[in-house]
Amino acid sequence: MLNFFNLAWLDFKSSVIILNAEEFILLRLGYPLISMMFYVLLATYSFNPSSLAKWVVGNAFLLCINTCIFVMGTAINADRATGRLRSIIVSPTQRIVYLLSKSLFSIIITFFTVLIGFVVGALVFNLSVNQIAWPQLLICIALGMLSPTAFGLLLSTFALITDSMHFILNFIATGLLILTGANFPLKQLPVFWQYFAQWVPLTHAIDAANQVIAGNTDILSPLLVETALAISYLVAASYMIKWCEHLARRNATLEMF
């Protein structure tokens, strides 16, 4: 277990060591906050709602995209760039441990990013936070960060066989803006996409958080579904990395930049 935490810390440290404190905060929090405010303001003028609560909640959760999708999605690319990938591939380290070590600090960072984003959004857009059941909301955030992180790890495995990760990740991130219900009501989507959205990370966590904001604390069902999705993505990632590694060895793409 100690080796796992050491591996997780070293991996996290290597990804942020070139940044000073100001750069780290602006990259992980400043840019996402500006994006959140843009989409909430867009909803204000597009839908003219009586309350902006659900847009603040939804877009606060989407703050995790920067870390969970882009940072996690390019994790293997980062290992290749630093020359660690070849050592990892030939090492006896279990691939699932390798993937999990990359997720530990990302989950912690995204938890605080989403929490700060919600508080800032509530203050900027004048939402009352006095009546919110904070323990339930914190549980929604904590469990909600599991599935996008695991999903990002699943996406990262494709870096072994393709050099188009930035296109893939931007395409996926754009899809999450639409299919999670954060910015567009799911009921307005075609039936197929409504069904597909149930298998997308964050959809159920955002639904649970919106219920908490509305005063309903019976959120066990959507949180269980979100947790099940996280486990499914992680299991899929553990198999996909083996399959992609096999293809990378056969097609000589391990050192592809």
C-alpha atoms as a PDB file:
ATOM      1  CA  MET A   1       0.000   0.000   0.000  1.00  0.00           C
ATOM      2  CA  LEU A   2       2.868   2.376   0.824  1.00  0.00           C
ATOM      3  CA  ASN A   3       4.383   1.719  -2.603  1.00  0.00           C
ATOM      4  CA  PHE A   4       1.040   2.609  -4.188  1.00  0.00           C
ATOM      5  CA  PHE A   5       0.877   5.978  -2.403  1.00  0.00           C
ATOM      6  CA  ASN A   6       4.512   6.667  -3.252  1.00  0.00           C
ATOM      7  CA  LEU A   7       3.820   5.894  -6.905  1.00  0.00           C
ATOM      8  CA  ALA A   8       0.725   8.107  -6.864  1.00  0.00           C
ATOM      9  CA  TRP A   9       2.617  10.982  -5.251  1.00  0.00           C
ATOM     10  CA  LEU A  10       5.572  10.737  -7.631  1.00  0.00           C
ATOM     11  CA  ASP A  11       3.240  10.647 -10.636  1.00  0.00           C
ATOM     12  CA  PHE A  12       1.338  13.707  -9.395  1.00  0.00           C
ATOM     13  CA  LYS A  13       4.532  15.542  -8.490  1.00  0.00           C
ATOM     14  CA  SER A  14       6.024  14.948 -11.927  1.00  0.00           C
ATOM     15  CA  SER A  15       2.945  16.476 -13.578  1.00  0.00           C
ATOM     16  CA  VAL A  16       2.967  19.711 -11.551  1.00  0.00           C
ATOM     17  CA  ILE A  17       6.621  20.248 -10.684  1.00  0.00           C
ATOM     18  CA  ILE A  18       7.128  22.689 -13.560  1.00  0.00           C
ATOM     19  CA  LEU A  19       4.279  24.909 -12.267  1.00  0.00           C
ATOM     20  CA  ASN A  20       4.485  27.465  -9.495  1.00  0.00           C
ATOM     21  CA  ALA A  21       1.517  27.974  -7.143  1.00  0.00           C
ATOM     22  CA  GLU A  22      -0.082  30.751  -9.204  1.00  0.00           C
ATOM     23  CA  GLU A  23       0.158  28.775 -12.435  1.00  0.00           C
ATOM     24  CA  PHE A  24      -1.265  25.665 -10.786  1.00  0.00           C
ATOM     25  CA  ILE A  25      -4.264  27.551  -9.370  1.00  0.00           C
ATOM     26  CA  LEU A  26      -4.976  29.373 -12.633  1.00  0.00           C
ATOM     27  CA  LEU A  27      -4.690  26.194 -14.696  1.00  0.00           C
ATOM     28  CA  ARG A  28      -6.696  23.891 -12.440  1.00  0.00           C
ATOM     29  CA  LEU A  29      -9.213  26.422 -11.078  1.00  0.00           C
ATOM     30  CA  GLY A  30      -9.061  29.816 -12.813  1.00  0.00           C
ATOM     31  CA  TYR A  31      -9.687  28.680 -16.379  1.00  0.00           C
ATOM     32  CA  PRO A  32     -12.462  26.206 -15.394  1.00  0.00           C
ATOM     33  CA  LEU A  33     -14.213  28.905 -13.312  1.00  0.00           C
ATOM     34  CA  ILE A  34     -14.274  31.300 -16.255  1.00  0.00           C
ATOM     35  CA  SER A  35     -15.761  28.524 -18.419  1.00  0.00           C
ATOM     36  CA  MET A  36     -18.418  27.825 -15.782  1.00  0.00           C
ATOM     37  CA  MET A  37     -19.445  31.475 -15.605  1.00  0.00           C
ATOM     38  CA  PHE A  38     -19.667  31.644 -19.393  1.00  0.00           C
ATOM     39  CA  TYR A  39     -22.131  28.749 -19.587  1.00  0.00           C
ATOM     40  CA  VAL A  40     -24.217  30.004 -16.662  1.00  0.00           C
ATOM     41  CA  LEU A  41     -24.455  33.449 -18.265  1.00  0.00           C
ATOM     42  CA  LEU A  42     -25.360  31.784 -21.562  1.00  0.00           C
ATOM     43  CA  ALA A  43     -28.183  29.929 -19.821  1.00  0.00           C
ATOM     44  CA  THR A  44     -29.340  33.198 -18.241  1.00  0.00           C
ATOM     45  CA  TYR A  45     -29.895  34.884 -21.597  1.00  0.00           C
ATOM     46  CA  SER A  46     -31.002  31.759 -23.469  1.00  0.00           C
ATOM     47  CA  PHE A  47     -33.600  30.363 -21.053  1.00  0.00           C
ATOM     48  CA  ASN A  48     -34.320  33.356 -18.791  1.00  0.00           C
ATOM     49  CA  PRO A  49     -34.888  31.001 -15.824  1.00  0.00           C
ATOM     50  CA  SER A  50     -36.289  32.070 -12.472  1.00  0.00           C
ATOM     51  CA  SER A  51     -33.363  30.340 -10.762  1.00  0.00           C
ATOM     52  CA  LEU A  52     -29.861  29.576 -11.978  1.00  0.00           C
ATOM     53  CA  ALA A  53     -29.289  26.893  -9.348  1.00  0.00           C
ATOM     54  CA  LYS A  54     -29.255  23.863 -11.650  1.00  0.00           C
ATOM     55  CA  TRP A  55     -26.903  25.553 -14.135  1.00  0.00           C
ATOM     56  CA  VAL A  56     -24.514  26.527 -11.349  1.00  0.00           C
ATOM     57  CA  VAL A  57     -24.624  22.967  -9.986  1.00  0.00           C
ATOM     58  CA  GLY A  58     -24.215  21.313 -13.370  1.00  0.00           C
ATOM     59  CA  ASN A  59     -21.376  23.536 -14.520  1.00  0.00           C
ATOM     60  CA  ALA A  60     -19.636  23.273 -11.155  1.00  0.00           C
ATOM     61  CA  PHE A  61     -19.504  19.514 -11.716  1.00  0.00           C
ATOM     62  CA  LEU A  62     -18.209  20.060 -15.230  1.00  0.00           C
ATOM     63  CA  LEU A  63     -15.184  21.826 -13.735  1.00  0.00           C
ATOM     64  CA  CYS A  64     -13.723  18.353 -13.310  1.00  0.00           C
ATOM     65  CA  ILE A  65     -13.388  17.949 -17.096  1.00  0.00           C
ATOM     66  CA  ASN A  66     -10.082  19.809 -17.146  1.00  0.00           C
ATOM     67  CA  THR A  67      -8.496  17.310 -14.738  1.00  0.00           C
ATOM     68  CA  CYS A  68     -10.530  14.138 -15.194  1.00  0.00           C
ATOM     69  CA  ILE A  69     -10.691  14.146 -18.974  1.00  0.00           C
ATOM     70  CA  PHE A  70      -7.703  16.136 -20.214  1.00  0.00           C
ATOM     71  CA  VAL A  71      -5.135  15.492 -17.483  1.00  0.00           C
ATOM     72  CA  MET A  72      -6.088  11.838 -16.991  1.00  0.00           C
ATOM     73  CA  GLY A  73      -6.671  11.326 -20.706  1.00  0.00           C
ATOM     74  CA  THR A  74      -3.126  12.426 -21.542  1.00  0.00           C
ATOM     75  CA  ALA A  75      -1.483  10.584 -18.628  1.00  0.00           C
ATOM     76  CA  ILE A  76       0.109   7.925 -20.818  1.00  0.00           C
ATOM     77  CA  ASN A  77       1.243  10.587 -23.284  1.00  0.00           C
ATOM     78  CA  ALA A  78       2.955  12.332 -20.373  1.00  0.00           C
ATOM     79  CA  ASP A  79       4.719   9.114 -19.370  1.00  0.00           C
ATOM     80  CA  ARG A  80       5.905   8.661 -22.943  1.00  0.00           C
ATOM     81  CA  ALA A  81       7.215  12.228 -23.100  1.00  0.00           C
ATOM     82  CA  THR A  82       9.213  11.790 -19.884  1.00  0.00           C
ATOM     83  CA  GLY A  83      10.638   8.459 -20.994  1.00  0.00           C
ATOM     84  CA  ARG A  84       8.869   6.448 -18.303  1.00  0.00           C
ATOM     85  CA  LEU A  85       6.497   4.546 -20.531  1.00  0.00           C
ATOM     86  CA  ARG A  86       8.986   1.958 -21.772  1.00  0.00           C
ATOM     87  CA  SER A  87      10.064   1.252 -18.165  1.00  0.00           C
ATOM     88  CA  ILE A  88       6.449   0.848 -17.068  1.00  0.00           C
ATOM     89  CA  ILE A  89       5.645  -1.497 -19.952  1.00  0.00           C
ATOM     90  CA  VAL A  90       8.518  -3.867 -19.152  1.00  0.00           C
ATOM     91  CA  SER A  91       8.050  -3.670 -15.372  1.00  0.00           C
ATOM     92  CA  PRO A  92       6.099  -6.300 -13.386  1.00  0.00           C
ATOM     93  CA  THR A  93       3.742  -3.605 -12.068  1.00  0.00           C
ATOM     94  CA  GLN A  94       0.120  -4.601 -12.503  1.00  0.00           C
ATOM     95  CA  ARG A  95      -1.558  -2.379 -15.044  1.00  0.00           C
ATOM     96  CA  ILE A  96      -4.592  -1.705 -12.829  1.00  0.00           C
ATOM     97  CA  VAL A  97      -2.288  -0.452 -10.043  1.00  0.00           C
ATOM     98  CA  TYR A  98      -0.551   1.773 -12.571  1.00  0.00           C
ATOM     99  CA  LEU A  99      -3.889   3.262 -13.623  1.00  0.00           C
ATOM    100  CA  LEU A 100      -5.198   3.674 -10.076  1.00  0.00           C
ATOM    101  CA  SER A 101      -2.052   5.488  -8.981  1.00  0.00           C
ATOM    102  CA  LYS A 102      -2.800   8.162 -11.559  1.00  0.00           C
ATOM    103  CA  SER A 103      -6.315   8.740 -10.230  1.00  0.00           C
ATOM    104  CA  LEU A 104      -5.749   9.270  -6.499  1.00  0.00           C
ATOM    105  CA  PHE A 105      -4.652  12.900  -6.454  1.00  0.00           C
ATOM    106  CA  SER A 106      -6.850  13.785  -9.430  1.00  0.00           C
ATOM    107  CA  ILE A 107      -9.927  12.786  -7.426  1.00  0.00           C
ATOM    108  CA  ILE A 108      -8.783  14.911  -4.496  1.00  0.00           C
ATOM    109  CA  ILE A 109      -8.063  17.927  -6.695  1.00  0.00           C
ATOM    110  CA  THR A 110     -11.345  17.685  -8.602  1.00  0.00           C
ATOM    111  CA  PHE A 111     -13.327  17.361  -5.359  1.00  0.00           C
ATOM    112  CA  PHE A 112     -12.037  20.717  -4.144  1.00  0.00           C
ATOM    113  CA  THR A 113     -12.296  22.243  -7.623  1.00  0.00           C
ATOM    114  CA  VAL A 114     -15.984  21.369  -7.892  1.00  0.00           C
ATOM    115  CA  LEU A 115     -16.700  22.461  -4.306  1.00  0.00           C
ATOM    116  CA  ILE A 116     -14.963  25.814  -4.781  1.00  0.00           C
ATOM    117  CA  GLY A 117     -16.666  26.219  -8.144  1.00  0.00           C
ATOM    118  CA  PHE A 118     -20.085  25.717  -6.591  1.00  0.00           C
ATOM    119  CA  VAL A 119     -19.395  28.195  -3.771  1.00  0.00           C
ATOM    120  CA  VAL A 120     -18.004  30.813  -6.173  1.00  0.00           C
ATOM    121  CA  GLY A 121     -20.911  30.287  -8.575  1.00  0.00           C
ATOM    122  CA  ALA A 122     -23.418  30.664  -5.736  1.00  0.00           C
ATOM    123  CA  LEU A 123     -21.799  33.912  -4.605  1.00  0.00           C
ATOM    124  CA  VAL A 124     -21.467  35.404  -8.095  1.00  0.00           C
ATOM    125  CA  PHE A 125     -25.008  34.515  -9.177  1.00  0.00           C
ATOM    126  CA  ASN A 126     -26.597  35.315  -5.812  1.00  0.00           C
ATOM    127  CA  LEU A 127     -27.849  31.846  -4.872  1.00  0.00           C
ATOM    128  CA  SER A 128     -28.840  31.049  -1.299  1.00  0.00           C
ATOM    129  CA  VAL A 129     -26.729  28.303   0.277  1.00  0.00           C
ATOM    130  CA  ASN A 130     -28.241  28.429   3.756  1.00  0.00           C
ATOM    131  CA  GLN A 131     -30.866  25.746   3.125  1.00  0.00           C
ATOM    132  CA  ILE A 132     -28.574  23.285   1.328  1.00  0.00           C
ATOM    133  CA  ALA A 133     -27.984  19.878   2.926  1.00  0.00           C
ATOM    134  CA  TRP A 134     -24.199  20.137   2.748  1.00  0.00           C
ATOM    135  CA  PRO A 135     -23.341  16.581   3.887  1.00  0.00           C
ATOM    136  CA  GLN A 136     -25.426  15.124   1.052  1.00  0.00           C
ATOM    137  CA  LEU A 137     -23.991  17.610  -1.440  1.00  0.00           C
ATOM    138  CA  LEU A 138     -20.433  16.752  -0.429  1.00  0.00           C
ATOM    139  CA  ILE A 139     -21.227  13.060  -0.897  1.00  0.00           C
ATOM    140  CA  CYS A 140     -22.580  13.848  -4.381  1.00  0.00           C
ATOM    141  CA  ILE A 141     -19.362  15.652  -5.257  1.00  0.00           C
ATOM    142  CA  ALA A 142     -17.088  12.961  -3.804  1.00  0.00           C
ATOM    143  CA  LEU A 143     -18.839  10.057  -5.544  1.00  0.00           C
ATOM    144  CA  GLY A 144     -19.426  12.117  -8.661  1.00  0.00           C
ATOM    145  CA  MET A 145     -15.689  12.547  -9.187  1.00  0.00           C
ATOM    146  CA  LEU A 146     -15.081   8.805  -9.365  1.00  0.00           C
ATOM    147  CA  SER A 147     -16.761   8.119 -12.701  1.00  0.00           C
ATOM    148  CA  PRO A 148     -15.196  10.932 -14.813  1.00  0.00           C
ATOM    149  CA  THR A 149     -11.759  10.082 -13.386  1.00  0.00           C
ATOM    150  CA  ALA A 150     -12.191   6.404 -14.258  1.00  0.00           C
ATOM    151  CA  PHE A 151     -13.566   7.435 -17.648  1.00  0.00           C
ATOM    152  CA  GLY A 152     -10.484   9.600 -18.230  1.00  0.00           C
ATOM    153  CA  LEU A 153      -8.264   6.626 -17.403  1.00  0.00           C
ATOM    154  CA  LEU A 154     -10.194   4.514 -19.898  1.00  0.00           C
ATOM    155  CA  LEU A 155      -9.655   7.153 -22.581  1.00  0.00           C
ATOM    156  CA  SER A 156      -5.950   7.414 -21.726  1.00  0.00           C
ATOM    157  CA  THR A 157      -5.337   3.804 -22.781  1.00  0.00           C
ATOM    158  CA  PHE A 158      -5.954   4.762 -26.415  1.00  0.00           C
ATOM    159  CA  ALA A 159      -2.800   6.907 -26.287  1.00  0.00           C
ATOM    160  CA  LEU A 160      -0.876   3.664 -26.785  1.00  0.00           C
ATOM    161  CA  ILE A 161      -2.290   3.203 -30.273  1.00  0.00           C
ATOM    162  CA  THR A 162      -3.170   6.677 -31.594  1.00  0.00           C
ATOM    163  CA  ASP A 163      -1.559  10.093 -31.821  1.00  0.00           C
ATOM    164  CA  SER A 164      -4.935  11.883 -31.993  1.00  0.00           C
ATOM    165  CA  MET A 165      -5.668  12.042 -28.259  1.00  0.00           C
ATOM    166  CA  HIS A 166      -6.291  15.797 -28.247  1.00  0.00           C
ATOM    167  CA  PHE A 167      -9.013  15.418 -30.879  1.00  0.00           C
ATOM    168  CA  ILE A 168     -10.576  12.498 -28.992  1.00  0.00           C
ATOM    169  CA  LEU A 169     -10.517  14.274 -25.640  1.00  0.00           C
ATOM    170  CA  ASN A 170     -11.953  17.527 -26.983  1.00  0.00           C
ATOM    171  CA  PHE A 171     -14.703  15.593 -28.764  1.00  0.00           C
ATOM    172  CA  ILE A 172     -15.583  13.719 -25.566  1.00  0.00           C
ATOM    173  CA  ALA A 173     -15.454  16.876 -23.432  1.00  0.00           C
ATOM    174  CA  THR A 174     -17.845  18.645 -25.791  1.00  0.00           C
ATOM    175  CA  GLY A 175     -20.195  15.668 -25.602  1.00  0.00           C
ATOM    176  CA  LEU A 176     -20.228  15.869 -21.815  1.00  0.00           C
ATOM    177  CA  LEU A 177     -21.360  19.496 -21.999  1.00  0.00           C
ATOM    178  CA  ILE A 178     -24.461  18.292 -23.833  1.00  0.00           C
ATOM    179  CA  LEU A 179     -25.229  14.818 -22.521  1.00  0.00           C
ATOM    180  CA  THR A 180     -24.844  15.289 -18.760  1.00  0.00           C
ATOM    181  CA  GLY A 181     -27.833  17.619 -18.454  1.00  0.00           C
ATOM    182  CA  ALA A 182     -25.628  20.397 -17.077  1.00  0.00           C
ATOM    183  CA  ASN A 183     -26.492  22.905 -19.806  1.00  0.00           C
ATOM    184  CA  PHE A 184     -29.296  21.327 -21.851  1.00  0.00           C
ATOM    185  CA  PRO A 185     -32.410  19.568 -20.483  1.00  0.00           C
ATOM    186  CA  LEU A 186     -32.077  15.881 -21.335  1.00  0.00           C
ATOM    187  CA  LYS A 187     -35.790  15.663 -22.130  1.00  0.00           C
ATOM    188  CA  GLN A 188     -35.223  17.901 -25.147  1.00  0.00           C
ATOM    189  CA  LEU A 189     -32.762  15.439 -26.680  1.00  0.00           C
ATOM    190  CA  PRO A 190     -33.823  12.643 -29.076  1.00  0.00           C
ATOM    191  CA  VAL A 191     -34.829   9.435 -27.298  1.00  0.00           C
ATOM    192  CA  PHE A 192     -31.658   7.602 -28.280  1.00  0.00           C
ATOM    193  CA  TRP A 193     -29.460  10.319 -26.771  1.00  0.00           C
ATOM    194  CA  GLN A 194     -31.581  10.440 -23.627  1.00  0.00           C
ATOM    195  CA  TYR A 195     -30.889   6.724 -23.178  1.00  0.00           C
ATOM    196  CA  PHE A 196     -27.200   7.132 -24.061  1.00  0.00           C
ATOM    197  CA  ALA A 197     -26.847   9.938 -21.501  1.00  0.00           C
ATOM    198  CA  GLN A 198     -27.638   7.451 -18.719  1.00  0.00           C
ATOM    199  CA  TRP A 199     -24.290   5.759 -19.432  1.00  0.00           C
ATOM    200  CA  VAL A 200     -22.288   8.981 -19.458  1.00  0.00           C
ATOM    201  CA  PRO A 201     -20.240  10.031 -16.404  1.00  0.00           C
ATOM    202  CA  LEU A 202     -21.640  12.860 -14.249  1.00  0.00           C
ATOM    203  CA  THR A 203     -25.242  12.592 -15.486  1.00  0.00           C
ATOM    204  CA  HIS A 204     -26.487  10.863 -12.337  1.00  0.00           C
ATOM    205  CA  ALA A 205     -24.229  12.811  -9.971  1.00  0.00           C
ATOM    206  CA  ILE A 206     -25.532  16.103 -11.356  1.00  0.00           C
ATOM    207  CA  ASP A 207     -29.097  14.813 -11.046  1.00  0.00           C
ATOM    208  CA  ALA A 208     -28.464  13.845  -7.409  1.00  0.00           C
ATOM    209  CA  ALA A 209     -26.907  17.244  -6.623  1.00  0.00           C
ATOM    210  CA  ASN A 210     -29.842  19.059  -8.223  1.00  0.00           C
ATOM    211  CA  GLN A 211     -32.206  17.031  -6.051  1.00  0.00           C
ATOM    212  CA  VAL A 212     -30.240  18.047  -2.957  1.00  0.00           C
ATOM    213  CA  ILE A 213     -30.429  21.717  -3.966  1.00  0.00           C
ATOM    214  CA  ALA A 214     -34.184  21.291  -4.460  1.00  0.00           C
ATOM    215  CA  GLY A 215     -34.533  19.912  -0.927  1.00  0.00           C
ATOM    216  CA  ASN A 216     -34.748  16.185  -1.696  1.00  0.00           C
ATOM    217  CA  THR A 217     -32.131  14.189   0.212  1.00  0.00           C
ATOM    218  CA  ASP A 218     -33.226  10.755  -1.057  1.00  0.00           C
ATOM    219  CA  ILE A 219     -30.384  10.460  -3.567  1.00  0.00           C
ATOM    220  CA  LEU A 220     -29.179   6.905  -2.990  1.00  0.00           C
ATOM    221  CA  SER A 221     -30.350   5.563  -6.356  1.00  0.00           C
ATOM    222  CA  PRO A 222     -28.527   8.022  -8.698  1.00  0.00           C
ATOM    223  CA  LEU A 223     -25.363   7.842  -6.582  1.00  0.00           C
ATOM    224  CA  LEU A 224     -25.334   4.047  -6.740  1.00  0.00           C
ATOM    225  CA  VAL A 225     -25.667   4.220 -10.520  1.00  0.00           C
ATOM    226  CA  GLU A 226     -22.811   6.758 -10.722  1.00  0.00           C
ATOM    227  CA  THR A 227     -20.603   4.560  -8.543  1.00  0.00           C
ATOM    228  CA  ALA A 228     -21.446   1.501 -10.642  1.00  0.00           C
ATOM    229  CA  LEU A 229     -20.458   3.426 -13.773  1.00  0.00           C
ATOM    230  CA  ALA A 230     -17.125   4.362 -12.165  1.00  0.00           C
ATOM    231  CA  ILE A 231     -16.392   0.710 -11.377  1.00  0.00           C
ATOM    232  CA  SER A 232     -17.402  -0.310 -14.902  1.00  0.00           C
ATOM    233  CA  TYR A 233     -15.112   2.292 -16.488  1.00  0.00           C
ATOM    234  CA  LEU A 234     -12.205   1.207 -14.288  1.00  0.00           C
ATOM    235  CA  VAL A 235     -12.678  -2.468 -15.115  1.00  0.00           C
ATOM    236  CA  ALA A 236     -12.918  -1.601 -18.797  1.00  0.00           C
ATOM    237  CA  ALA A 237      -9.738   0.496 -18.509  1.00  0.00           C
ATOM    238  CA  SER A 238      -7.827  -2.387 -16.910  1.00  0.00           C
ATOM    239  CA  TYR A 239      -8.712  -4.619 -19.881  1.00  0.00           C
ATOM    240  CA  MET A 240      -8.284  -1.918 -22.514  1.00  0.00           C
ATOM    241  CA  ILE A 241      -4.745  -1.076 -21.441  1.00  0.00           C
ATOM    242  CA  LYS A 242      -3.742  -4.724 -21.902  1.00  0.00           C
ATOM    243  CA  TRP A 243      -5.355  -4.855 -25.338  1.00  0.00           C
ATOM    244  CA  CYS A 244      -3.896  -1.497 -26.404  1.00  0.00           C
ATOM    245  CA  GLU A 245      -0.484  -2.523 -25.090  1.00  0.00           C
ATOM    246  CA  HIS A 246      -0.662  -5.674 -27.203  1.00  0.00           C
ATOM    247  CA  LEU A 247      -1.526  -3.622 -30.298  1.00  0.00           C
ATOM    248  CA  ALA A 248       1.177  -1.079 -29.481  1.00  0.00           C
ATOM    249  CA  ARG A 249       3.818  -3.802 -29.258  1.00  0.00           C
ATOM    250  CA  ARG A 250       2.655  -5.349 -32.528  1.00  0.00           C
ATOM    251  CA  ASN A 251       2.372  -2.051 -34.413  1.00  0.00           C
ATOM    252  CA  ALA A 252       5.404  -0.372 -32.800  1.00  0.00           C
ATOM    253  CA  THR A 253       3.475   2.635 -31.483  1.00  0.00           C
ATOM    254  CA  LEU A 254       4.840   2.689 -27.910  1.00  0.00           C
ATOM    255  CA  GLU A 255       7.255   5.498 -28.782  1.00  0.00           C
ATOM    256  CA  MET A 256       4.823   7.320 -31.065  1.00  0.00           C
ATOM    257  CA  PHE A 257       4.660  11.096 -30.551  1.00  0.00           C
END
